[in-house]
Amino acid sequence: MSVTVRNFEERDAERVARIMFESFKTFLGDRIKEPETPDYWIQCSTRDFAHSVTRSFVAESDGKVIGYLCATANTKNGLGTLNVIGVDPACFAQGCGSALFAAADAFWRGLGMRKIYTCTSHVNLRAQAYYKKMGFVEEGRLKDHFHEGIDEIQLSKFMKKG
């Protein structure tokens, strides 16, 4: 599969809402009832504050959006955050997540981030394996965090210089 990555645009929001819902349903099952609205994804994707820059990316294959990643960089403390990533389940393990992560990595490096943080649900074994492959290590857990019975694993990695 050939994957290209570009910046998120408002026209992507409806497809992103569907991808994120379907992706999260693969590990949350019935705990997730309906997708967030396209407006939610537009707002998440375009927030900038003092010392905080947000960039969101979509991955495409054959002109169709198949993945989404939202990243933040705090330019005051050098902490980057991988806020959320989702891939169309039909495209799992085909390079989409890695292509999105490469775009986020370039964004963080361009702003001089020293450390990247993210979290994932303890039941999301696919994401845990992916983050380990990308160099993240577990730093802690949040019990019953977003959903009762689902712990969030806090992960981070330090950026290598050069």
N, C-alpha and C. Protein backbone atom coordinates (compact mmCIF):
# COMPACT_ATOMS: atom_id res chain seq x y z
N MET A 1 0.84 -1.18 0.00
CA MET A 1 0.00 0.00 0.00
C MET A 1 0.89 1.24 0.00
N SER A 2 0.57 2.18 -0.86
CA SER A 2 1.27 3.45 -0.91
C SER A 2 0.53 4.46 -0.03
N VAL A 3 1.26 5.05 0.92
CA VAL A 3 0.66 5.98 1.88
C VAL A 3 1.36 7.33 1.76
N THR A 4 0.58 8.39 1.67
CA THR A 4 1.12 9.75 1.73
C THR A 4 0.50 10.44 2.94
N VAL A 5 1.25 11.37 3.50
CA VAL A 5 0.78 12.11 4.68
C VAL A 5 0.76 13.59 4.35
N ARG A 6 -0.27 14.24 4.79
CA ARG A 6 -0.40 15.69 4.62
C ARG A 6 -1.05 16.27 5.87
N ASN A 7 -1.07 17.60 5.94
CA ASN A 7 -1.74 18.27 7.06
C ASN A 7 -3.25 18.04 6.98
N PHE A 8 -3.85 17.90 8.14
CA PHE A 8 -5.30 17.80 8.27
C PHE A 8 -5.95 19.06 7.72
N GLU A 9 -7.06 18.89 7.03
CA GLU A 9 -7.88 20.00 6.55
C GLU A 9 -9.32 19.77 7.03
N GLU A 10 -10.08 20.84 7.18
CA GLU A 10 -11.45 20.70 7.69
C GLU A 10 -12.27 19.71 6.88
N ARG A 11 -12.03 19.63 5.59
CA ARG A 11 -12.78 18.70 4.74
C ARG A 11 -12.55 17.24 5.12
N ASP A 12 -11.50 16.96 5.91
CA ASP A 12 -11.19 15.60 6.35
C ASP A 12 -11.98 15.17 7.58
N ALA A 13 -12.63 16.10 8.24
CA ALA A 13 -13.19 15.86 9.58
C ALA A 13 -14.21 14.73 9.62
N GLU A 14 -15.07 14.64 8.64
CA GLU A 14 -16.09 13.58 8.67
C GLU A 14 -15.44 12.20 8.56
N ARG A 15 -14.50 12.05 7.67
CA ARG A 15 -13.81 10.76 7.51
C ARG A 15 -12.98 10.45 8.76
N VAL A 16 -12.31 11.45 9.32
CA VAL A 16 -11.52 11.25 10.54
C VAL A 16 -12.42 10.79 11.68
N ALA A 17 -13.59 11.40 11.82
CA ALA A 17 -14.53 10.99 12.89
C ALA A 17 -14.86 9.50 12.75
N ARG A 18 -15.10 9.04 11.55
CA ARG A 18 -15.44 7.64 11.31
C ARG A 18 -14.23 6.74 11.60
N ILE A 19 -13.05 7.12 11.13
CA ILE A 19 -11.84 6.31 11.36
C ILE A 19 -11.55 6.18 12.84
N MET A 20 -11.63 7.29 13.57
CA MET A 20 -11.30 7.25 14.99
C MET A 20 -12.30 6.37 15.74
N PHE A 21 -13.56 6.46 15.40
CA PHE A 21 -14.59 5.63 16.03
C PHE A 21 -14.31 4.15 15.75
N GLU A 22 -14.10 3.81 14.50
CA GLU A 22 -13.87 2.40 14.14
C GLU A 22 -12.58 1.87 14.75
N SER A 23 -11.55 2.70 14.76
CA SER A 23 -10.27 2.30 15.33
C SER A 23 -10.39 2.04 16.84
N PHE A 24 -11.02 2.96 17.55
CA PHE A 24 -11.16 2.82 19.00
C PHE A 24 -12.10 1.68 19.38
N LYS A 25 -13.07 1.40 18.53
CA LYS A 25 -13.98 0.28 18.79
C LYS A 25 -13.25 -1.06 18.77
N THR A 26 -12.12 -1.15 18.07
CA THR A 26 -11.40 -2.42 18.01
C THR A 26 -10.88 -2.85 19.37
N PHE A 27 -10.68 -1.91 20.29
CA PHE A 27 -10.21 -2.29 21.63
C PHE A 27 -11.16 -1.89 22.75
N LEU A 28 -12.04 -0.92 22.50
CA LEU A 28 -12.99 -0.51 23.54
C LEU A 28 -14.35 -1.20 23.39
N GLY A 29 -14.61 -1.78 22.24
CA GLY A 29 -15.87 -2.48 22.03
C GLY A 29 -17.07 -1.60 22.28
N ASP A 30 -18.03 -2.10 23.06
CA ASP A 30 -19.28 -1.39 23.32
C ASP A 30 -19.13 -0.21 24.27
N ARG A 31 -17.94 0.00 24.82
CA ARG A 31 -17.74 1.16 25.70
C ARG A 31 -17.82 2.47 24.91
N ILE A 32 -17.57 2.39 23.64
CA ILE A 32 -17.64 3.57 22.78
C ILE A 32 -18.91 3.43 21.93
N LYS A 33 -19.82 4.36 22.10
CA LYS A 33 -21.17 4.22 21.53
C LYS A 33 -21.34 4.91 20.18
N GLU A 34 -20.72 6.07 20.02
CA GLU A 34 -20.91 6.82 18.78
C GLU A 34 -19.68 7.67 18.51
N PRO A 35 -19.48 8.02 17.25
CA PRO A 35 -18.30 8.83 16.93
C PRO A 35 -18.43 10.26 17.44
N GLU A 36 -17.29 10.87 17.68
CA GLU A 36 -17.28 12.31 17.95
C GLU A 36 -17.71 13.02 16.66
N THR A 37 -18.18 14.23 16.79
CA THR A 37 -18.64 14.98 15.62
C THR A 37 -17.44 15.46 14.80
N PRO A 38 -17.66 15.72 13.51
CA PRO A 38 -16.59 16.32 12.72
C PRO A 38 -16.08 17.64 13.33
N ASP A 39 -16.98 18.45 13.90
CA ASP A 39 -16.55 19.70 14.55
C ASP A 39 -15.58 19.45 15.69
N TYR A 40 -15.78 18.37 16.44
CA TYR A 40 -14.86 18.01 17.51
C TYR A 40 -13.45 17.83 16.95
N TRP A 41 -13.33 17.09 15.84
CA TRP A 41 -12.00 16.83 15.26
C TRP A 41 -11.40 18.09 14.67
N ILE A 42 -12.22 18.98 14.14
CA ILE A 42 -11.71 20.26 13.64
C ILE A 42 -11.12 21.05 14.81
N GLN A 43 -11.85 21.12 15.92
CA GLN A 43 -11.36 21.87 17.08
C GLN A 43 -10.09 21.26 17.65
N CYS A 44 -10.04 19.94 17.76
CA CYS A 44 -8.84 19.26 18.27
C CYS A 44 -7.62 19.52 17.39
N SER A 45 -7.86 19.63 16.12
CA SER A 45 -6.78 19.68 15.14
C SER A 45 -6.18 21.06 14.95
N THR A 46 -6.81 22.07 15.46
CA THR A 46 -6.38 23.43 15.11
C THR A 46 -6.12 24.32 16.32
N ARG A 47 -5.88 23.74 17.48
CA ARG A 47 -5.66 24.55 18.68
C ARG A 47 -4.20 24.95 18.82
N ASP A 48 -3.96 26.24 18.98
CA ASP A 48 -2.64 26.75 19.34
C ASP A 48 -2.83 27.72 20.50
N PHE A 49 -1.94 27.63 21.48
CA PHE A 49 -1.96 28.52 22.63
C PHE A 49 -0.54 29.04 22.82
N ALA A 50 -0.38 29.94 23.79
CA ALA A 50 0.97 30.42 24.10
C ALA A 50 1.86 29.22 24.41
N HIS A 51 2.97 29.11 23.76
CA HIS A 51 3.96 28.05 23.95
C HIS A 51 3.47 26.67 23.52
N SER A 52 2.30 26.56 22.91
CA SER A 52 1.77 25.26 22.52
C SER A 52 1.31 25.31 21.07
N VAL A 53 1.88 24.41 20.28
CA VAL A 53 1.56 24.35 18.85
C VAL A 53 0.98 22.97 18.55
N THR A 54 -0.14 22.94 17.86
CA THR A 54 -0.79 21.68 17.50
C THR A 54 -0.72 21.49 15.99
N ARG A 55 -0.37 20.28 15.58
CA ARG A 55 -0.41 19.90 14.17
C ARG A 55 -1.12 18.56 14.07
N SER A 56 -1.97 18.47 13.09
CA SER A 56 -2.67 17.22 12.83
C SER A 56 -2.41 16.80 11.40
N PHE A 57 -2.27 15.51 11.23
CA PHE A 57 -1.93 14.94 9.94
C PHE A 57 -2.94 13.86 9.56
N VAL A 58 -3.14 13.69 8.27
CA VAL A 58 -3.91 12.56 7.78
C VAL A 58 -3.03 11.76 6.83
N ALA A 59 -3.27 10.46 6.82
CA ALA A 59 -2.61 9.57 5.87
C ALA A 59 -3.64 9.21 4.81
N GLU A 60 -3.19 9.18 3.56
CA GLU A 60 -4.06 8.84 2.45
C GLU A 60 -3.47 7.69 1.65
N SER A 61 -4.35 6.92 1.08
CA SER A 61 -3.98 5.90 0.11
C SER A 61 -5.02 5.95 -1.01
N ASP A 62 -4.56 6.05 -2.22
CA ASP A 62 -5.46 6.16 -3.38
C ASP A 62 -6.48 7.28 -3.20
N GLY A 63 -6.03 8.41 -2.61
CA GLY A 63 -6.88 9.58 -2.45
C GLY A 63 -7.89 9.50 -1.32
N LYS A 64 -7.86 8.43 -0.53
CA LYS A 64 -8.81 8.25 0.57
C LYS A 64 -8.08 8.37 1.90
N VAL A 65 -8.64 9.15 2.83
CA VAL A 65 -8.05 9.29 4.16
C VAL A 65 -8.21 7.97 4.90
N ILE A 66 -7.08 7.44 5.40
CA ILE A 66 -7.09 6.15 6.10
C ILE A 66 -6.51 6.23 7.51
N GLY A 67 -6.01 7.41 7.91
CA GLY A 67 -5.45 7.55 9.25
C GLY A 67 -5.34 9.00 9.66
N TYR A 68 -5.20 9.20 10.97
CA TYR A 68 -5.16 10.54 11.55
C TYR A 68 -4.24 10.53 12.76
N LEU A 69 -3.49 11.62 12.93
CA LEU A 69 -2.65 11.79 14.12
C LEU A 69 -2.68 13.26 14.50
N CYS A 70 -2.83 13.53 15.79
CA CYS A 70 -2.78 14.89 16.32
C CYS A 70 -1.62 14.97 17.31
N ALA A 71 -0.73 15.94 17.09
CA ALA A 71 0.47 16.11 17.92
C ALA A 71 0.53 17.55 18.43
N THR A 72 1.08 17.70 19.63
CA THR A 72 1.26 19.01 20.23
C THR A 72 2.72 19.17 20.63
N ALA A 73 3.21 20.39 20.55
CA ALA A 73 4.57 20.70 21.00
C ALA A 73 4.51 21.89 21.95
N ASN A 74 5.03 21.73 23.16
CA ASN A 74 5.13 22.83 24.10
C ASN A 74 6.52 23.42 23.94
N THR A 75 6.59 24.58 23.32
CA THR A 75 7.88 25.19 22.99
C THR A 75 8.57 25.80 24.20
N LYS A 76 7.90 25.89 25.32
CA LYS A 76 8.52 26.42 26.53
C LYS A 76 9.29 25.35 27.29
N ASN A 77 8.71 24.13 27.38
CA ASN A 77 9.39 23.08 28.15
C ASN A 77 9.92 21.93 27.31
N GLY A 78 9.73 21.98 26.00
CA GLY A 78 10.29 20.94 25.13
C GLY A 78 9.57 19.61 25.20
N LEU A 79 8.31 19.62 25.63
CA LEU A 79 7.55 18.39 25.73
C LEU A 79 6.55 18.29 24.58
N GLY A 80 6.70 17.22 23.81
CA GLY A 80 5.75 16.94 22.74
C GLY A 80 4.74 15.92 23.22
N THR A 81 3.54 16.00 22.68
CA THR A 81 2.50 15.04 23.04
C THR A 81 1.89 14.45 21.78
N LEU A 82 1.83 13.13 21.75
CA LEU A 82 1.05 12.45 20.73
C LEU A 82 -0.34 12.34 21.32
N ASN A 83 -1.22 13.24 20.93
CA ASN A 83 -2.56 13.32 21.52
C ASN A 83 -3.42 12.12 21.15
N VAL A 84 -3.43 11.78 19.88
CA VAL A 84 -4.25 10.67 19.43
C VAL A 84 -3.80 10.23 18.04
N ILE A 85 -3.92 8.95 17.80
CA ILE A 85 -3.65 8.40 16.48
C ILE A 85 -4.70 7.32 16.23
N GLY A 86 -5.17 7.26 15.01
CA GLY A 86 -6.13 6.23 14.63
C GLY A 86 -5.95 5.88 13.17
N VAL A 87 -6.12 4.61 12.88
CA VAL A 87 -5.99 4.09 11.52
C VAL A 87 -7.23 3.27 11.20
N ASP A 88 -7.71 3.40 9.99
CA ASP A 88 -8.81 2.57 9.52
C ASP A 88 -8.44 1.11 9.78
N PRO A 89 -9.26 0.36 10.52
CA PRO A 89 -8.91 -1.03 10.83
C PRO A 89 -8.59 -1.88 9.60
N ALA A 90 -9.15 -1.55 8.45
CA ALA A 90 -8.85 -2.30 7.22
C ALA A 90 -7.41 -2.05 6.76
N CYS A 91 -6.76 -1.04 7.34
CA CYS A 91 -5.40 -0.68 6.94
C CYS A 91 -4.38 -0.92 8.05
N PHE A 92 -4.76 -1.61 9.12
CA PHE A 92 -3.82 -1.91 10.20
C PHE A 92 -2.61 -2.65 9.64
N ALA A 93 -1.44 -2.36 10.22
CA ALA A 93 -0.18 -3.07 9.93
C ALA A 93 0.22 -2.97 8.46
N GLN A 94 -0.06 -1.80 7.85
CA GLN A 94 0.33 -1.60 6.46
C GLN A 94 1.15 -0.32 6.27
N GLY A 95 1.69 0.23 7.37
CA GLY A 95 2.58 1.38 7.27
C GLY A 95 1.94 2.73 7.50
N CYS A 96 0.64 2.77 7.67
CA CYS A 96 -0.06 4.04 7.85
C CYS A 96 0.37 4.73 9.16
N GLY A 97 0.35 3.99 10.27
CA GLY A 97 0.74 4.55 11.55
C GLY A 97 2.18 5.05 11.55
N SER A 98 3.06 4.28 10.94
CA SER A 98 4.47 4.68 10.87
C SER A 98 4.65 5.94 10.03
N ALA A 99 3.90 6.06 8.94
CA ALA A 99 3.98 7.27 8.11
C ALA A 99 3.47 8.49 8.88
N LEU A 100 2.38 8.33 9.61
CA LEU A 100 1.87 9.42 10.43
C LEU A 100 2.87 9.80 11.53
N PHE A 101 3.45 8.79 12.18
CA PHE A 101 4.41 9.06 13.24
C PHE A 101 5.64 9.78 12.69
N ALA A 102 6.08 9.43 11.50
CA ALA A 102 7.23 10.11 10.89
C ALA A 102 6.93 11.60 10.69
N ALA A 103 5.71 11.94 10.28
CA ALA A 103 5.34 13.35 10.13
C ALA A 103 5.35 14.06 11.48
N ALA A 104 4.81 13.41 12.51
CA ALA A 104 4.81 14.00 13.85
C ALA A 104 6.24 14.16 14.36
N ASP A 105 7.07 13.15 14.13
CA ASP A 105 8.46 13.21 14.56
C ASP A 105 9.18 14.41 13.93
N ALA A 106 8.95 14.65 12.65
CA ALA A 106 9.57 15.80 11.98
C ALA A 106 9.04 17.11 12.59
N PHE A 107 7.77 17.17 12.90
CA PHE A 107 7.17 18.33 13.55
C PHE A 107 7.84 18.59 14.90
N TRP A 108 7.94 17.55 15.73
CA TRP A 108 8.56 17.70 17.05
C TRP A 108 10.02 18.10 16.94
N ARG A 109 10.76 17.45 16.07
CA ARG A 109 12.18 17.77 15.89
C ARG A 109 12.37 19.20 15.42
N GLY A 110 11.51 19.63 14.51
CA GLY A 110 11.59 20.99 13.99
C GLY A 110 11.40 22.05 15.06
N LEU A 111 10.69 21.69 16.12
CA LEU A 111 10.47 22.62 17.23
C LEU A 111 11.35 22.32 18.44
N GLY A 112 12.30 21.39 18.27
CA GLY A 112 13.29 21.12 19.32
C GLY A 112 12.76 20.39 20.54
N MET A 113 11.77 19.53 20.37
CA MET A 113 11.24 18.80 21.52
C MET A 113 12.29 17.83 22.06
N ARG A 114 12.35 17.71 23.38
CA ARG A 114 13.31 16.83 24.03
C ARG A 114 12.68 15.50 24.46
N LYS A 115 11.36 15.51 24.66
CA LYS A 115 10.66 14.32 25.15
C LYS A 115 9.26 14.29 24.55
N ILE A 116 8.78 13.08 24.26
CA ILE A 116 7.44 12.89 23.72
C ILE A 116 6.65 12.02 24.69
N TYR A 117 5.40 12.41 24.91
CA TYR A 117 4.50 11.72 25.84
C TYR A 117 3.25 11.26 25.10
N THR A 118 2.72 10.12 25.51
CA THR A 118 1.41 9.67 25.04
C THR A 118 0.83 8.72 26.07
N CYS A 119 -0.36 8.25 25.83
CA CYS A 119 -0.95 7.21 26.67
C CYS A 119 -1.81 6.31 25.80
N THR A 120 -2.04 5.12 26.30
CA THR A 120 -2.90 4.16 25.60
C THR A 120 -3.62 3.30 26.62
N SER A 121 -4.73 2.77 26.23
CA SER A 121 -5.50 1.90 27.13
C SER A 121 -4.80 0.57 27.33
N HIS A 122 -4.92 0.02 28.53
CA HIS A 122 -4.22 -1.24 28.82
C HIS A 122 -4.77 -2.40 27.98
N VAL A 123 -5.96 -2.26 27.46
CA VAL A 123 -6.54 -3.31 26.62
C VAL A 123 -6.14 -3.17 25.15
N ASN A 124 -5.46 -2.10 24.81
CA ASN A 124 -5.07 -1.86 23.42
C ASN A 124 -3.67 -2.43 23.18
N LEU A 125 -3.61 -3.73 23.05
CA LEU A 125 -2.32 -4.42 22.91
C LEU A 125 -1.60 -4.04 21.62
N ARG A 126 -2.35 -3.78 20.56
CA ARG A 126 -1.75 -3.37 19.28
C ARG A 126 -0.98 -2.06 19.47
N ALA A 127 -1.60 -1.08 20.14
CA ALA A 127 -0.94 0.21 20.37
C ALA A 127 0.27 0.05 21.28
N GLN A 128 0.16 -0.77 22.31
CA GLN A 128 1.30 -0.97 23.21
C GLN A 128 2.50 -1.51 22.44
N ALA A 129 2.28 -2.49 21.59
CA ALA A 129 3.38 -3.05 20.79
C ALA A 129 3.94 -2.00 19.84
N TYR A 130 3.07 -1.21 19.24
CA TYR A 130 3.50 -0.16 18.31
C TYR A 130 4.37 0.87 19.03
N TYR A 131 3.92 1.35 20.19
CA TYR A 131 4.68 2.36 20.91
C TYR A 131 6.04 1.82 21.37
N LYS A 132 6.09 0.59 21.80
CA LYS A 132 7.38 -0.01 22.17
C LYS A 132 8.31 -0.04 20.97
N LYS A 133 7.76 -0.41 19.81
CA LYS A 133 8.56 -0.44 18.58
C LYS A 133 9.10 0.95 18.25
N MET A 134 8.34 1.98 18.59
CA MET A 134 8.74 3.36 18.31
C MET A 134 9.65 3.94 19.40
N GLY A 135 10.00 3.14 20.41
CA GLY A 135 10.94 3.58 21.43
C GLY A 135 10.33 4.14 22.70
N PHE A 136 9.03 4.05 22.86
CA PHE A 136 8.38 4.54 24.08
C PHE A 136 8.54 3.52 25.21
N VAL A 137 8.61 4.03 26.44
CA VAL A 137 8.65 3.17 27.62
C VAL A 137 7.54 3.61 28.58
N GLU A 138 7.04 2.64 29.34
CA GLU A 138 5.98 2.93 30.30
C GLU A 138 6.53 3.74 31.46
N GLU A 139 5.78 4.78 31.85
CA GLU A 139 6.16 5.60 33.00
C GLU A 139 5.14 5.53 34.13
N GLY A 140 3.95 5.07 33.84
CA GLY A 140 2.94 5.00 34.89
C GLY A 140 1.60 4.54 34.35
N ARG A 141 0.65 4.43 35.28
CA ARG A 141 -0.71 4.01 34.92
C ARG A 141 -1.73 4.87 35.64
N LEU A 142 -2.83 5.09 34.97
CA LEU A 142 -3.96 5.81 35.53
C LEU A 142 -5.14 4.84 35.58
N LYS A 143 -5.57 4.48 36.76
CA LYS A 143 -6.64 3.50 36.95
C LYS A 143 -8.00 4.07 36.54
N ASP A 144 -8.80 3.23 35.88
CA ASP A 144 -10.18 3.60 35.51
C ASP A 144 -10.24 5.02 34.94
N HIS A 145 -9.39 5.33 34.01
CA HIS A 145 -9.21 6.73 33.59
C HIS A 145 -10.33 7.24 32.68
N PHE A 146 -10.33 6.88 31.41
CA PHE A 146 -11.36 7.36 30.49
C PHE A 146 -12.65 6.54 30.59
N HIS A 147 -12.50 5.27 30.95
CA HIS A 147 -13.64 4.36 31.09
C HIS A 147 -13.42 3.50 32.32
N GLU A 148 -14.49 3.20 33.04
CA GLU A 148 -14.40 2.31 34.19
C GLU A 148 -13.89 0.95 33.72
N GLY A 149 -12.89 0.45 34.45
CA GLY A 149 -12.31 -0.84 34.10
C GLY A 149 -11.21 -0.78 33.05
N ILE A 150 -10.91 0.41 32.56
CA ILE A 150 -9.86 0.57 31.54
C ILE A 150 -8.80 1.51 32.10
N ASP A 151 -7.61 0.98 32.31
CA ASP A 151 -6.49 1.80 32.78
C ASP A 151 -5.78 2.41 31.58
N GLU A 152 -5.21 3.58 31.79
CA GLU A 152 -4.39 4.21 30.76
C GLU A 152 -2.92 4.03 31.14
N ILE A 153 -2.13 3.59 30.19
CA ILE A 153 -0.70 3.44 30.38
C ILE A 153 -0.03 4.71 29.86
N GLN A 154 0.74 5.36 30.71
CA GLN A 154 1.48 6.56 30.32
C GLN A 154 2.82 6.13 29.75
N LEU A 155 3.16 6.66 28.58
CA LEU A 155 4.38 6.28 27.88
C LEU A 155 5.13 7.53 27.45
N SER A 156 6.46 7.40 27.37
CA SER A 156 7.24 8.52 26.86
C SER A 156 8.52 8.01 26.21
N LYS A 157 9.14 8.91 25.48
CA LYS A 157 10.46 8.63 24.92
C LYS A 157 11.21 9.94 24.80
N PHE A 158 12.51 9.87 24.99
CA PHE A 158 13.36 11.03 24.80
C PHE A 158 13.80 11.07 23.35
N MET A 159 13.84 12.26 22.80
CA MET A 159 14.25 12.44 21.42
C MET A 159 15.77 12.37 21.34
N LYS A 160 16.25 11.63 20.38
CA LYS A 160 17.69 11.58 20.15
C LYS A 160 18.10 12.81 19.36
N LYS A 161 19.21 13.39 19.73
CA LYS A 161 19.68 14.58 19.02
C LYS A 161 20.37 14.16 17.73
N GLY A 162 20.19 15.03 16.73
CA GLY A 162 20.90 14.79 15.48
C GLY A 162 20.06 14.42 14.34
